[in-house]
Amino acid sequence: MNVSVVSIPVSDQDRAKKFYTEVLGFEQLADAQMKPDMRWVHLSAPDGGASITLVTWFPSMPAGSLRGLVLEVDDIDARHAELAAQGYEFPDGIHAEPWGRYVTVEDPDGNGIVLQTSTRNARAEA
């Protein structure tokens, strides 16, 4: 068993798709109308793993309610610098823990995303 798709609750699928593709580097797998009030926006992370859907139709999942989506990045310092150059603010900066280093960012709806570089990957790169 593996995680296949994570649904991310958003209020505006076009705005969210722009953030996930242009800022975080996801690739579009599909963008199709399912019903008059339902659109399937399906994206994949650049290096694989579980894909995401940007959803608006789940009453139990209001836009901005997702917390704890963790995305592994090769170089947290480089990603932090890229996002800061685009105007994203990180009042707490990069956090260091025994398992790795991370920074949190929010998508346009306020969904919480953790970008991390684990010590396992840092050791593999060294």
Protein backbone atom coordinates (compact mmCIF):
# COMPACT_ATOMS: atom_id res chain seq x y z
CA MET A 1 0.00 0.00 0.00
CA ASN A 2 1.17 3.55 -0.69
CA VAL A 3 -0.25 7.05 -0.59
CA SER A 4 -1.55 7.86 -4.06
CA VAL A 5 -3.38 11.22 -3.90
CA VAL A 6 -3.67 13.94 -1.27
CA SER A 7 -6.64 16.30 -1.64
CA ILE A 8 -5.88 19.93 -0.81
CA PRO A 9 -8.92 22.12 -0.06
CA VAL A 10 -8.80 25.43 -1.92
CA SER A 11 -11.22 28.24 -2.74
CA ASP A 12 -9.90 29.07 -6.22
CA GLN A 13 -8.46 26.20 -8.25
CA ASP A 14 -6.77 28.44 -10.83
CA ARG A 15 -5.00 30.52 -8.18
CA ALA A 16 -3.97 27.39 -6.28
CA LYS A 17 -2.77 25.65 -9.44
CA LYS A 18 -0.59 28.65 -10.25
CA PHE A 19 0.99 28.50 -6.76
CA TYR A 20 1.63 24.76 -6.82
CA THR A 21 3.01 24.73 -10.37
CA GLU A 22 4.86 28.06 -10.59
CA VAL A 23 6.07 28.40 -6.99
CA LEU A 24 6.50 24.80 -5.82
CA GLY A 25 7.23 23.22 -9.21
CA PHE A 26 4.40 20.68 -9.43
CA GLU A 27 3.42 19.42 -12.88
CA GLN A 28 -0.14 19.26 -14.19
CA LEU A 29 -1.43 15.74 -14.77
CA ALA A 30 -5.04 16.70 -15.51
CA ASP A 31 -7.42 19.64 -15.45
CA ALA A 32 -10.87 18.52 -16.49
CA GLN A 33 -14.49 19.34 -15.72
CA MET A 34 -16.14 16.45 -13.86
CA LYS A 35 -19.58 18.00 -13.32
CA PRO A 36 -20.85 21.57 -13.67
CA ASP A 37 -19.61 22.41 -10.17
CA MET A 38 -16.64 20.01 -9.96
CA ARG A 39 -13.28 20.27 -11.67
CA TRP A 40 -10.48 17.69 -11.37
CA VAL A 41 -7.14 19.50 -10.99
CA HIS A 42 -4.49 16.83 -10.53
CA LEU A 43 -0.79 17.68 -10.04
CA SER A 44 2.38 15.71 -9.36
CA ALA A 45 5.50 16.66 -7.47
CA PRO A 46 8.55 17.08 -9.72
CA ASP A 47 10.35 14.09 -8.19
CA GLY A 48 7.35 11.77 -7.92
CA GLY A 49 5.62 10.36 -4.88
CA ALA A 50 1.98 10.99 -4.08
CA SER A 51 0.13 13.39 -6.33
CA ILE A 52 -2.26 16.11 -5.20
CA THR A 53 -5.70 17.29 -6.24
CA LEU A 54 -6.96 20.81 -5.64
CA VAL A 55 -10.53 20.40 -4.43
CA THR A 56 -13.41 22.78 -3.78
CA TRP A 57 -16.32 20.38 -3.34
CA PHE A 58 -15.87 18.73 0.08
CA PRO A 59 -17.98 20.54 2.70
CA SER A 60 -15.97 18.84 5.46
CA MET A 61 -12.72 20.26 4.01
CA PRO A 62 -12.92 24.06 3.97
CA ALA A 63 -10.28 25.93 1.98
CA GLY A 64 -7.14 26.45 4.04
CA SER A 65 -7.84 23.65 6.53
CA LEU A 66 -4.96 21.34 5.53
CA ARG A 67 -1.95 21.26 7.86
CA GLY A 68 1.16 19.14 7.81
CA LEU A 69 1.70 18.41 4.13
CA VAL A 70 5.44 17.68 4.11
CA LEU A 71 7.46 18.07 0.93
CA GLU A 72 11.04 16.80 0.93
CA VAL A 73 13.44 19.15 -0.87
CA ASP A 74 17.09 18.60 -1.70
CA ASP A 75 18.33 21.93 -0.35
CA ILE A 76 16.21 23.81 2.18
CA ASP A 77 18.51 26.84 2.09
CA ALA A 78 18.11 27.20 -1.68
CA ARG A 79 14.31 26.74 -1.56
CA HIS A 80 14.05 29.22 1.32
CA ALA A 81 16.08 31.77 -0.67
CA GLU A 82 13.96 31.22 -3.82
CA LEU A 83 10.70 31.73 -1.94
CA ALA A 84 12.03 34.73 -0.02
CA ALA A 85 13.07 36.31 -3.35
CA GLN A 86 9.45 35.86 -4.52
CA GLY A 87 8.21 37.78 -1.49
CA TYR A 88 7.31 34.98 0.91
CA GLU A 89 8.06 35.83 4.52
CA PHE A 90 9.37 33.40 7.10
CA PRO A 91 9.28 35.17 10.46
CA ASP A 92 10.71 32.13 12.25
CA GLY A 93 13.28 31.29 9.55
CA ILE A 94 14.56 27.77 9.03
CA HIS A 95 14.13 25.39 11.95
CA ALA A 96 16.71 22.73 12.81
CA GLU A 97 15.79 19.43 14.45
CA PRO A 98 17.74 16.20 14.93
CA TRP A 99 15.90 14.68 11.93
CA GLY A 100 16.54 17.62 9.59
CA ARG A 101 15.80 21.24 8.78
CA TYR A 102 12.50 22.74 7.67
CA VAL A 103 10.53 25.87 6.95
CA THR A 104 6.77 26.32 6.79
CA VAL A 105 4.91 28.13 4.03
CA GLU A 106 1.24 28.64 3.28
CA ASP A 107 -0.51 28.39 -0.06
CA PRO A 108 -2.87 31.24 -1.08
CA ASP A 109 -5.70 29.73 1.00
CA GLY A 110 -3.58 29.24 4.12
CA ASN A 111 -3.00 25.49 3.81
CA GLY A 112 0.15 24.72 5.82
CA ILE A 113 3.05 23.15 3.95
CA VAL A 114 6.35 22.03 5.44
CA LEU A 115 9.40 22.07 3.19
CA GLN A 116 12.11 19.93 4.72
CA THR A 117 15.53 18.49 4.10
CA SER A 118 16.05 15.48 6.29
CA THR A 119 19.44 14.66 7.81
CA ARG A 120 19.29 11.36 5.93
CA ASN A 121 19.30 13.28 2.62
CA ALA A 122 21.86 15.79 3.87
CA ARG A 123 24.25 12.95 4.77
CA ALA A 124 23.69 11.31 1.39
CA GLU A 125 24.61 14.56 -0.38
CA ALA A 126 27.79 15.11 1.66
